[in-house]
Amino acid sequence: MSISSIFSGLIFGSIGWFVFSQGRKRIENSKVALGLILMIYPILMPSNVWEWVVGIVLCAYTYYIW
């Protein structure tokens, strides 16, 4: 596990936790699901580049639906 992988997991996991908690508070299932995806996906990515690309795309989508 590289430093980049740990750093991306920390950043996107924190954003995912915030989106998840706000989705639960507002009872919006799409935000709950998106928050869970943001917290879990860094474990499943094969390379650091894909972690950052997918994370940025998911955060942009989160900003778009907010």
PDB file of N, CA and C in Angstrom:
ATOM      1  N   MET A   1       0.858  -1.176   0.000  1.00  0.00           N
ATOM      2  CA  MET A   1       0.000   0.000   0.000  1.00  0.00           C
ATOM      3  C   MET A   1       0.902   1.235   0.000  1.00  0.00           C
ATOM      4  N   SER A   2       0.662   2.110  -0.936  1.00  0.00           N
ATOM      5  CA  SER A   2       1.509   3.291  -1.069  1.00  0.00           C
ATOM      6  C   SER A   2       0.920   4.479  -0.304  1.00  0.00           C
ATOM      7  N   ILE A   3       1.721   5.507  -0.190  1.00  0.00           N
ATOM      8  CA  ILE A   3       1.288   6.732   0.486  1.00  0.00           C
ATOM      9  C   ILE A   3       0.130   7.367  -0.284  1.00  0.00           C
ATOM     10  N   SER A   4       0.190   7.319  -1.614  1.00  0.00           N
ATOM     11  CA  SER A   4      -0.878   7.888  -2.435  1.00  0.00           C
ATOM     12  C   SER A   4      -2.202   7.171  -2.193  1.00  0.00           C
ATOM     13  N   SER A   5      -2.137   5.870  -2.052  1.00  0.00           N
ATOM     14  CA  SER A   5      -3.345   5.084  -1.801  1.00  0.00           C
ATOM     15  C   SER A   5      -3.941   5.417  -0.433  1.00  0.00           C
ATOM     16  N   ILE A   6      -3.103   5.552   0.567  1.00  0.00           N
ATOM     17  CA  ILE A   6      -3.576   5.913   1.906  1.00  0.00           C
ATOM     18  C   ILE A   6      -4.176   7.307   1.901  1.00  0.00           C
ATOM     19  N   PHE A   7      -3.509   8.240   1.239  1.00  0.00           N
ATOM     20  CA  PHE A   7      -3.976   9.619   1.183  1.00  0.00           C
ATOM     21  C   PHE A   7      -5.306   9.736   0.437  1.00  0.00           C
ATOM     22  N   SER A   8      -5.426   9.039  -0.701  1.00  0.00           N
ATOM     23  CA  SER A   8      -6.689   9.096  -1.446  1.00  0.00           C
ATOM     24  C   SER A   8      -7.815   8.438  -0.662  1.00  0.00           C
ATOM     25  N   GLY A   9      -7.519   7.342   0.018  1.00  0.00           N
ATOM     26  CA  GLY A   9      -8.540   6.695   0.844  1.00  0.00           C
ATOM     27  C   GLY A   9      -9.005   7.585   1.975  1.00  0.00           C
ATOM     28  N   LEU A  10      -8.077   8.321   2.569  1.00  0.00           N
ATOM     29  CA  LEU A  10      -8.431   9.239   3.648  1.00  0.00           C
ATOM     30  C   LEU A  10      -9.294  10.395   3.138  1.00  0.00           C
ATOM     31  N   ILE A  11      -8.896  10.987   2.041  1.00  0.00           N
ATOM     32  CA  ILE A  11      -9.646  12.128   1.483  1.00  0.00           C
ATOM     33  C   ILE A  11     -11.036  11.705   1.029  1.00  0.00           C
ATOM     34  N   PHE A  12     -11.097  10.697   0.150  1.00  0.00           N
ATOM     35  CA  PHE A  12     -12.390  10.313  -0.410  1.00  0.00           C
ATOM     36  C   PHE A  12     -13.263   9.586   0.611  1.00  0.00           C
ATOM     37  N   GLY A  13     -12.654   8.907   1.561  1.00  0.00           N
ATOM     38  CA  GLY A  13     -13.430   8.301   2.646  1.00  0.00           C
ATOM     39  C   GLY A  13     -14.074   9.349   3.537  1.00  0.00           C
ATOM     40  N   SER A  14     -13.347  10.437   3.796  1.00  0.00           N
ATOM     41  CA  SER A  14     -13.912  11.526   4.605  1.00  0.00           C
ATOM     42  C   SER A  14     -15.066  12.212   3.885  1.00  0.00           C
ATOM     43  N   ILE A  15     -14.876  12.461   2.598  1.00  0.00           N
ATOM     44  CA  ILE A  15     -15.960  13.052   1.804  1.00  0.00           C
ATOM     45  C   ILE A  15     -17.146  12.099   1.764  1.00  0.00           C
ATOM     46  N   GLY A  16     -16.873  10.812   1.594  1.00  0.00           N
ATOM     47  CA  GLY A  16     -17.944   9.807   1.574  1.00  0.00           C
ATOM     48  C   GLY A  16     -18.695   9.747   2.886  1.00  0.00           C
ATOM     49  N   TRP A  17     -17.985   9.848   4.000  1.00  0.00           N
ATOM     50  CA  TRP A  17     -18.647   9.834   5.309  1.00  0.00           C
ATOM     51  C   TRP A  17     -19.565  11.041   5.456  1.00  0.00           C
ATOM     52  N   PHE A  18     -19.111  12.215   5.008  1.00  0.00           N
ATOM     53  CA  PHE A  18     -19.939  13.419   5.091  1.00  0.00           C
ATOM     54  C   PHE A  18     -21.194  13.270   4.229  1.00  0.00           C
ATOM     55  N   VAL A  19     -21.028  12.810   2.998  1.00  0.00           N
ATOM     56  CA  VAL A  19     -22.180  12.638   2.099  1.00  0.00           C
ATOM     57  C   VAL A  19     -23.137  11.593   2.665  1.00  0.00           C
ATOM     58  N   PHE A  20     -22.588  10.506   3.200  1.00  0.00           N
ATOM     59  CA  PHE A  20     -23.415   9.460   3.800  1.00  0.00           C
ATOM     60  C   PHE A  20     -24.227   9.990   4.977  1.00  0.00           C
ATOM     61  N   SER A  21     -23.572  10.729   5.866  1.00  0.00           N
ATOM     62  CA  SER A  21     -24.287  11.229   7.041  1.00  0.00           C
ATOM     63  C   SER A  21     -25.336  12.273   6.665  1.00  0.00           C
ATOM     64  N   GLN A  22     -25.042  13.126   5.693  1.00  0.00           N
ATOM     65  CA  GLN A  22     -26.036  14.097   5.247  1.00  0.00           C
ATOM     66  C   GLN A  22     -27.202  13.418   4.535  1.00  0.00           C
ATOM     67  N   GLY A  23     -26.910  12.372   3.783  1.00  0.00           N
ATOM     68  CA  GLY A  23     -27.979  11.619   3.117  1.00  0.00           C
ATOM     69  C   GLY A  23     -28.893  10.927   4.110  1.00  0.00           C
ATOM     70  N   ARG A  24     -28.324  10.384   5.185  1.00  0.00           N
ATOM     71  CA  ARG A  24     -29.149   9.763   6.216  1.00  0.00           C
ATOM     72  C   ARG A  24     -29.984  10.798   6.945  1.00  0.00           C
ATOM     73  N   LYS A  25     -29.388  11.965   7.193  1.00  0.00           N
ATOM     74  CA  LYS A  25     -30.100  13.016   7.916  1.00  0.00           C
ATOM     75  C   LYS A  25     -31.279  13.537   7.100  1.00  0.00           C
ATOM     76  N   ARG A  26     -31.080  13.683   5.796  1.00  0.00           N
ATOM     77  CA  ARG A  26     -32.126  14.222   4.914  1.00  0.00           C
ATOM     78  C   ARG A  26     -32.999  13.138   4.282  1.00  0.00           C
ATOM     79  N   ILE A  27     -32.709  11.882   4.587  1.00  0.00           N
ATOM     80  CA  ILE A  27     -33.426  10.720   4.061  1.00  0.00           C
ATOM     81  C   ILE A  27     -33.426  10.747   2.533  1.00  0.00           C
ATOM     82  N   GLU A  28     -32.227  10.790   1.966  1.00  0.00           N
ATOM     83  CA  GLU A  28     -32.048  10.743   0.517  1.00  0.00           C
ATOM     84  C   GLU A  28     -31.163   9.543   0.197  1.00  0.00           C
ATOM     85  N   ASN A  29     -31.786   8.498  -0.349  1.00  0.00           N
ATOM     86  CA  ASN A  29     -31.087   7.243  -0.576  1.00  0.00           C
ATOM     87  C   ASN A  29     -29.956   7.353  -1.589  1.00  0.00           C
ATOM     88  N   SER A  30     -30.080   8.249  -2.556  1.00  0.00           N
ATOM     89  CA  SER A  30     -29.017   8.384  -3.554  1.00  0.00           C
ATOM     90  C   SER A  30     -27.734   8.906  -2.920  1.00  0.00           C
ATOM     91  N   LYS A  31     -27.851   9.820  -1.987  1.00  0.00           N
ATOM     92  CA  LYS A  31     -26.663  10.346  -1.298  1.00  0.00           C
ATOM     93  C   LYS A  31     -26.080   9.322  -0.321  1.00  0.00           C
ATOM     94  N   VAL A  32     -26.926   8.534   0.287  1.00  0.00           N
ATOM     95  CA  VAL A  32     -26.442   7.470   1.170  1.00  0.00           C
ATOM     96  C   VAL A  32     -25.626   6.468   0.354  1.00  0.00           C
ATOM     97  N   ALA A  33     -26.145   6.066  -0.787  1.00  0.00           N
ATOM     98  CA  ALA A  33     -25.446   5.106  -1.645  1.00  0.00           C
ATOM     99  C   ALA A  33     -24.139   5.699  -2.180  1.00  0.00           C
ATOM    100  N   LEU A  34     -24.176   6.945  -2.593  1.00  0.00           N
ATOM    101  CA  LEU A  34     -22.970   7.587  -3.107  1.00  0.00           C
ATOM    102  C   LEU A  34     -21.909   7.717  -2.017  1.00  0.00           C
ATOM    103  N   GLY A  35     -22.321   8.023  -0.802  1.00  0.00           N
ATOM    104  CA  GLY A  35     -21.390   8.087   0.313  1.00  0.00           C
ATOM    105  C   GLY A  35     -20.749   6.741   0.595  1.00  0.00           C
ATOM    106  N   LEU A  36     -21.544   5.677   0.549  1.00  0.00           N
ATOM    107  CA  LEU A  36     -20.994   4.336   0.750  1.00  0.00           C
ATOM    108  C   LEU A  36     -20.000   3.975  -0.345  1.00  0.00           C
ATOM    109  N   ILE A  37     -20.336   4.322  -1.570  1.00  0.00           N
ATOM    110  CA  ILE A  37     -19.424   4.043  -2.691  1.00  0.00           C
ATOM    111  C   ILE A  37     -18.112   4.795  -2.508  1.00  0.00           C
ATOM    112  N   LEU A  38     -18.192   6.054  -2.099  1.00  0.00           N
ATOM    113  CA  LEU A  38     -16.966   6.835  -1.893  1.00  0.00           C
ATOM    114  C   LEU A  38     -16.112   6.267  -0.765  1.00  0.00           C
ATOM    115  N   MET A  39     -16.730   5.673   0.228  1.00  0.00           N
ATOM    116  CA  MET A  39     -15.957   5.108   1.331  1.00  0.00           C
ATOM    117  C   MET A  39     -15.348   3.754   0.982  1.00  0.00           C
ATOM    118  N   ILE A  40     -15.988   2.984   0.116  1.00  0.00           N
ATOM    119  CA  ILE A  40     -15.561   1.611  -0.138  1.00  0.00           C
ATOM    120  C   ILE A  40     -14.683   1.456  -1.373  1.00  0.00           C
ATOM    121  N   TYR A  41     -14.866   2.273  -2.390  1.00  0.00           N
ATOM    122  CA  TYR A  41     -14.186   2.027  -3.660  1.00  0.00           C
ATOM    123  C   TYR A  41     -12.655   2.045  -3.584  1.00  0.00           C
ATOM    124  N   PRO A  42     -11.986   2.814  -2.701  1.00  0.00           N
ATOM    125  CA  PRO A  42     -10.518   2.773  -2.713  1.00  0.00           C
ATOM    126  C   PRO A  42      -9.935   1.393  -2.412  1.00  0.00           C
ATOM    127  N   ILE A  43     -10.684   0.553  -1.727  1.00  0.00           N
ATOM    128  CA  ILE A  43     -10.212  -0.799  -1.426  1.00  0.00           C
ATOM    129  C   ILE A  43     -10.179  -1.648  -2.692  1.00  0.00           C
ATOM    130  N   LEU A  44     -11.065  -1.372  -3.635  1.00  0.00           N
ATOM    131  CA  LEU A  44     -11.228  -2.222  -4.808  1.00  0.00           C
ATOM    132  C   LEU A  44     -10.433  -1.775  -6.029  1.00  0.00           C
ATOM    133  N   MET A  45      -9.816  -0.621  -6.004  1.00  0.00           N
ATOM    134  CA  MET A  45      -9.110  -0.095  -7.176  1.00  0.00           C
ATOM    135  C   MET A  45      -7.742  -0.758  -7.342  1.00  0.00           C
ATOM    136  N   PRO A  46      -7.393  -1.109  -8.591  1.00  0.00           N
ATOM    137  CA  PRO A  46      -6.119  -1.805  -8.827  1.00  0.00           C
ATOM    138  C   PRO A  46      -4.889  -0.897  -8.828  1.00  0.00           C
ATOM    139  N   SER A  47      -5.057   0.382  -9.139  1.00  0.00           N
ATOM    140  CA  SER A  47      -3.885   1.265  -9.191  1.00  0.00           C
ATOM    141  C   SER A  47      -4.214   2.630  -8.599  1.00  0.00           C
ATOM    142  N   ASN A  48      -3.165   3.365  -8.259  1.00  0.00           N
ATOM    143  CA  ASN A  48      -3.344   4.670  -7.632  1.00  0.00           C
ATOM    144  C   ASN A  48      -3.976   5.679  -8.582  1.00  0.00           C
ATOM    145  N   VAL A  49      -3.631   5.592  -9.852  1.00  0.00           N
ATOM    146  CA  VAL A  49      -4.179   6.532 -10.826  1.00  0.00           C
ATOM    147  C   VAL A  49      -5.691   6.379 -10.912  1.00  0.00           C
ATOM    148  N   TRP A  50      -6.151   5.119 -10.960  1.00  0.00           N
ATOM    149  CA  TRP A  50      -7.592   4.890 -11.043  1.00  0.00           C
ATOM    150  C   TRP A  50      -8.308   5.314  -9.773  1.00  0.00           C
ATOM    151  N   GLU A  51      -7.659   5.198  -8.623  1.00  0.00           N
ATOM    152  CA  GLU A  51      -8.274   5.673  -7.380  1.00  0.00           C
ATOM    153  C   GLU A  51      -8.561   7.163  -7.459  1.00  0.00           C
ATOM    154  N   TRP A  52      -7.585   7.929  -7.932  1.00  0.00           N
ATOM    155  CA  TRP A  52      -7.752   9.381  -8.017  1.00  0.00           C
ATOM    156  C   TRP A  52      -8.763   9.771  -9.085  1.00  0.00           C
ATOM    157  N   VAL A  53      -8.726   9.098 -10.238  1.00  0.00           N
ATOM    158  CA  VAL A  53      -9.661   9.433 -11.325  1.00  0.00           C
ATOM    159  C   VAL A  53     -11.102   9.147 -10.900  1.00  0.00           C
ATOM    160  N   VAL A  54     -11.337   7.960 -10.369  1.00  0.00           N
ATOM    161  CA  VAL A  54     -12.694   7.588  -9.943  1.00  0.00           C
ATOM    162  C   VAL A  54     -13.151   8.474  -8.789  1.00  0.00           C
ATOM    163  N   GLY A  55     -12.262   8.773  -7.864  1.00  0.00           N
ATOM    164  CA  GLY A  55     -12.618   9.624  -6.734  1.00  0.00           C
ATOM    165  C   GLY A  55     -13.004  11.028  -7.158  1.00  0.00           C
ATOM    166  N   ILE A  56     -12.256  11.597  -8.088  1.00  0.00           N
ATOM    167  CA  ILE A  56     -12.573  12.941  -8.573  1.00  0.00           C
ATOM    168  C   ILE A  56     -13.890  12.940  -9.335  1.00  0.00           C
ATOM    169  N   VAL A  57     -14.125  11.904 -10.134  1.00  0.00           N
ATOM    170  CA  VAL A  57     -15.394  11.813 -10.876  1.00  0.00           C
ATOM    171  C   VAL A  57     -16.570  11.667  -9.910  1.00  0.00           C
ATOM    172  N   LEU A  58     -16.429  10.826  -8.895  1.00  0.00           N
ATOM    173  CA  LEU A  58     -17.516  10.656  -7.916  1.00  0.00           C
ATOM    174  C   LEU A  58     -17.759  11.928  -7.113  1.00  0.00           C
ATOM    175  N   CYS A  59     -16.694  12.651  -6.770  1.00  0.00           N
ATOM    176  CA  CYS A  59     -16.875  13.918  -6.044  1.00  0.00           C
ATOM    177  C   CYS A  59     -17.534  14.968  -6.932  1.00  0.00           C
ATOM    178  N   ALA A  60     -17.184  14.982  -8.211  1.00  0.00           N
ATOM    179  CA  ALA A  60     -17.826  15.917  -9.137  1.00  0.00           C
ATOM    180  C   ALA A  60     -19.313  15.576  -9.280  1.00  0.00           C
ATOM    181  N   TYR A  61     -19.622  14.289  -9.345  1.00  0.00           N
ATOM    182  CA  TYR A  61     -21.024  13.884  -9.416  1.00  0.00           C
ATOM    183  C   TYR A  61     -21.772  14.259  -8.139  1.00  0.00           C
ATOM    184  N   THR A  62     -21.116  14.118  -6.993  1.00  0.00           N
ATOM    185  CA  THR A  62     -21.714  14.525  -5.732  1.00  0.00           C
ATOM    186  C   THR A  62     -22.019  16.013  -5.730  1.00  0.00           C
ATOM    187  N   TYR A  63     -21.090  16.802  -6.218  1.00  0.00           N
ATOM    188  CA  TYR A  63     -21.306  18.243  -6.302  1.00  0.00           C
ATOM    189  C   TYR A  63     -22.450  18.560  -7.260  1.00  0.00           C
ATOM    190  N   TYR A  64     -22.547  17.809  -8.354  1.00  0.00           N
ATOM    191  CA  TYR A  64     -23.591  18.032  -9.356  1.00  0.00           C
ATOM    192  C   TYR A  64     -24.989  17.744  -8.789  1.00  0.00           C
ATOM    193  N   ILE A  65     -25.147  16.671  -8.005  1.00  0.00           N
ATOM    194  CA  ILE A  65     -26.486  16.325  -7.506  1.00  0.00           C
ATOM    195  C   ILE A  65     -26.824  17.046  -6.214  1.00  0.00           C
ATOM    196  N   TRP A  66     -25.859  17.711  -5.597  1.00  0.00           N
ATOM    197  CA  TRP A  66     -26.132  18.365  -4.336  1.00  0.00           C
ATOM    198  C   TRP A  66     -27.054  19.511  -4.574  1.00  0.00           C
TER     199      TRP A  66
END
